[in-house]
C-alpha cells in the first residue's frame, strides 16, 4: 500500500528553524516537525507520530527527549489503576 503525497510551499523563514533538526533532507525534517507537533497536540499517538516521522518509536522518543518534550503521560486513570493495585496487594498480604 503506497503513500499519497502533496506539496506544500513554506516561507524561507522556516528554513533556519527546520535545519536545527536532525534529518537527511528538508522533507524529512518537515515530517519530523509535523509529527512532533501532532503528538504534542495529542492528535496522534506516540506510535503514529513515529510512523509519520519515518522513525522507529525509540528514535522518535530520543528526538522528543532532545527537545525536552515529555513522551509519557501519567493520567488520573493511571493513578486510579495504581492505587487499586496497591490496595489489592495490601489486602492480599494481610490475608496471608
C-alpha atoms as a PDB file:
ATOM      1  CA  UNK A   1       0.000   0.000   0.000  1.00  0.00           C
ATOM      2  CA  UNK A   2       1.705   3.195  -1.199  1.00  0.00           C
ATOM      3  CA  UNK A   3       1.522   6.618   0.343  1.00  0.00           C
ATOM      4  CA  UNK A   4      -0.034   9.607  -1.341  1.00  0.00           C
ATOM      5  CA  UNK A   5       1.868  12.886  -1.199  1.00  0.00           C
ATOM      6  CA  UNK A   6       1.082  16.575  -1.590  1.00  0.00           C
ATOM      7  CA  UNK A   7       3.327  19.581  -1.936  1.00  0.00           C
ATOM      8  CA  UNK A   8       3.451  22.497   0.474  1.00  0.00           C
ATOM      9  CA  UNK A   9       5.121  25.861  -0.061  1.00  0.00           C
ATOM     10  CA  UNK A  10       6.646  27.372   3.067  1.00  0.00           C
ATOM     11  CA  UNK A  11       8.235  30.787   3.556  1.00  0.00           C
ATOM     12  CA  UNK A  12      12.047  30.643   3.659  1.00  0.00           C
ATOM     13  CA  UNK A  13      11.858  31.989   7.232  1.00  0.00           C
ATOM     14  CA  UNK A  14      11.142  28.393   8.255  1.00  0.00           C
ATOM     15  CA  UNK A  15      14.427  27.089   6.823  1.00  0.00           C
ATOM     16  CA  UNK A  16      16.795  28.039   9.691  1.00  0.00           C
ATOM     17  CA  UNK A  17      14.334  26.596  12.205  1.00  0.00           C
ATOM     18  CA  UNK A  18      13.831  23.374  10.268  1.00  0.00           C
ATOM     19  CA  UNK A  19      17.583  22.977   9.723  1.00  0.00           C
ATOM     20  CA  UNK A  20      18.078  22.858  13.501  1.00  0.00           C
ATOM     21  CA  UNK A  21      16.519  19.377  13.409  1.00  0.00           C
ATOM     22  CA  UNK A  22      18.498  16.261  12.631  1.00  0.00           C
ATOM     23  CA  UNK A  23      17.473  14.651   9.381  1.00  0.00           C
ATOM     24  CA  UNK A  24      18.650  13.687   5.954  1.00  0.00           C
ATOM     25  CA  UNK A  25      16.514  16.012   3.879  1.00  0.00           C
ATOM     26  CA  UNK A  26      14.322  19.053   4.287  1.00  0.00           C
ATOM     27  CA  UNK A  27      11.319  16.798   3.637  1.00  0.00           C
ATOM     28  CA  UNK A  28      12.447  14.501   6.450  1.00  0.00           C
ATOM     29  CA  UNK A  29      12.910  17.428   8.809  1.00  0.00           C
ATOM     30  CA  UNK A  30       9.450  18.785   7.989  1.00  0.00           C
ATOM     31  CA  UNK A  31       7.896  15.348   8.573  1.00  0.00           C
ATOM     32  CA  UNK A  32       9.579  15.127  11.988  1.00  0.00           C
ATOM     33  CA  UNK A  33       8.441  18.651  12.909  1.00  0.00           C
ATOM     34  CA  UNK A  34       4.852  17.931  11.917  1.00  0.00           C
ATOM     35  CA  UNK A  35       4.835  14.590  13.717  1.00  0.00           C
ATOM     36  CA  UNK A  36       6.150  16.216  16.909  1.00  0.00           C
ATOM     37  CA  UNK A  37       3.514  18.941  16.663  1.00  0.00           C
ATOM     38  CA  UNK A  38       0.703  16.436  16.147  1.00  0.00           C
ATOM     39  CA  UNK A  39       1.942  14.342  19.070  1.00  0.00           C
ATOM     40  CA  UNK A  40       2.258  17.339  21.401  1.00  0.00           C
ATOM     41  CA  UNK A  41      -1.270  18.437  20.462  1.00  0.00           C
ATOM     42  CA  UNK A  42      -2.482  14.877  21.218  1.00  0.00           C
ATOM     43  CA  UNK A  43      -3.780  14.459  17.670  1.00  0.00           C
ATOM     44  CA  UNK A  44      -1.841  11.203  17.213  1.00  0.00           C
ATOM     45  CA  UNK A  45      -0.367   8.513  19.440  1.00  0.00           C
ATOM     46  CA  UNK A  46       3.338   8.119  20.053  1.00  0.00           C
ATOM     47  CA  UNK A  47       3.452   5.142  17.685  1.00  0.00           C
ATOM     48  CA  UNK A  48       1.572   7.005  14.939  1.00  0.00           C
ATOM     49  CA  UNK A  49       3.783  10.090  15.323  1.00  0.00           C
ATOM     50  CA  UNK A  50       6.880   7.905  14.993  1.00  0.00           C
ATOM     51  CA  UNK A  51       5.418   6.283  11.877  1.00  0.00           C
ATOM     52  CA  UNK A  52       4.551   9.658  10.337  1.00  0.00           C
ATOM     53  CA  UNK A  53       8.057  10.948  11.042  1.00  0.00           C
ATOM     54  CA  UNK A  54       9.666   7.934   9.387  1.00  0.00           C
ATOM     55  CA  UNK A  55      11.378   6.977  12.657  1.00  0.00           C
ATOM     56  CA  UNK A  56      11.115   3.994  14.962  1.00  0.00           C
ATOM     57  CA  UNK A  57       9.341   4.586  18.267  1.00  0.00           C
ATOM     58  CA  UNK A  58      12.711   4.518  20.047  1.00  0.00           C
ATOM     59  CA  UNK A  59      14.224   7.048  17.639  1.00  0.00           C
ATOM     60  CA  UNK A  60      11.163   9.284  17.982  1.00  0.00           C
ATOM     61  CA  UNK A  61      11.362   9.121  21.795  1.00  0.00           C
ATOM     62  CA  UNK A  62      15.036  10.127  21.545  1.00  0.00           C
ATOM     63  CA  UNK A  63      14.047  13.135  19.398  1.00  0.00           C
ATOM     64  CA  UNK A  64      11.420  14.141  21.947  1.00  0.00           C
ATOM     65  CA  UNK A  65      13.973  13.834  24.768  1.00  0.00           C
ATOM     66  CA  UNK A  66      16.420  16.032  22.834  1.00  0.00           C
ATOM     67  CA  UNK A  67      13.674  18.631  22.528  1.00  0.00           C
ATOM     68  CA  UNK A  68      12.799  18.182  26.240  1.00  0.00           C
ATOM     69  CA  UNK A  69       9.270  17.085  25.315  1.00  0.00           C
ATOM     70  CA  UNK A  70       7.594  14.632  27.663  1.00  0.00           C
ATOM     71  CA  UNK A  71       6.620  11.497  25.781  1.00  0.00           C
ATOM     72  CA  UNK A  72       4.889   9.678  28.610  1.00  0.00           C
ATOM     73  CA  UNK A  73       1.757  10.939  30.271  1.00  0.00           C
ATOM     74  CA  UNK A  74       0.674   9.816  33.728  1.00  0.00           C
ATOM     75  CA  UNK A  75      -3.061  10.416  33.777  1.00  0.00           C
ATOM     76  CA  UNK A  76      -5.659  10.356  36.544  1.00  0.00           C
ATOM     77  CA  UNK A  77      -6.747   6.967  35.184  1.00  0.00           C
ATOM     78  CA  UNK A  78      -3.191   5.632  35.643  1.00  0.00           C
ATOM     79  CA  UNK A  79      -3.199   6.908  39.240  1.00  0.00           C
ATOM     80  CA  UNK A  80      -6.543   5.201  39.937  1.00  0.00           C
ATOM     81  CA  UNK A  81      -5.243   1.920  38.478  1.00  0.00           C
ATOM     82  CA  UNK A  82      -2.071   2.126  40.590  1.00  0.00           C
ATOM     83  CA  UNK A  83      -3.994   2.898  43.772  1.00  0.00           C
ATOM     84  CA  UNK A  84      -6.368  -0.022  43.092  1.00  0.00           C
ATOM     85  CA  UNK A  85      -3.415  -2.383  42.553  1.00  0.00           C
ATOM     86  CA  UNK A  86      -1.757  -1.206  45.799  1.00  0.00           C
ATOM     87  CA  UNK A  87      -4.988  -1.769  47.767  1.00  0.00           C
ATOM     88  CA  UNK A  88      -5.280  -5.291  46.332  1.00  0.00           C
ATOM     89  CA  UNK A  89      -1.643  -6.073  47.171  1.00  0.00           C
ATOM     90  CA  UNK A  90      -2.071  -4.792  50.720  1.00  0.00           C
ATOM     91  CA  UNK A  91      -5.296  -6.777  51.135  1.00  0.00           C
ATOM     92  CA  UNK A  92      -3.643  -9.944  49.795  1.00  0.00           C
ATOM     93  CA  UNK A  93      -0.604  -9.551  52.064  1.00  0.00           C
ATOM     94  CA  UNK A  94      -2.793  -9.033  55.165  1.00  0.00           C
ATOM     95  CA  UNK A  95      -4.762 -12.234  54.397  1.00  0.00           C
ATOM     96  CA  UNK A  96      -1.616 -14.401  54.424  1.00  0.00           C
END
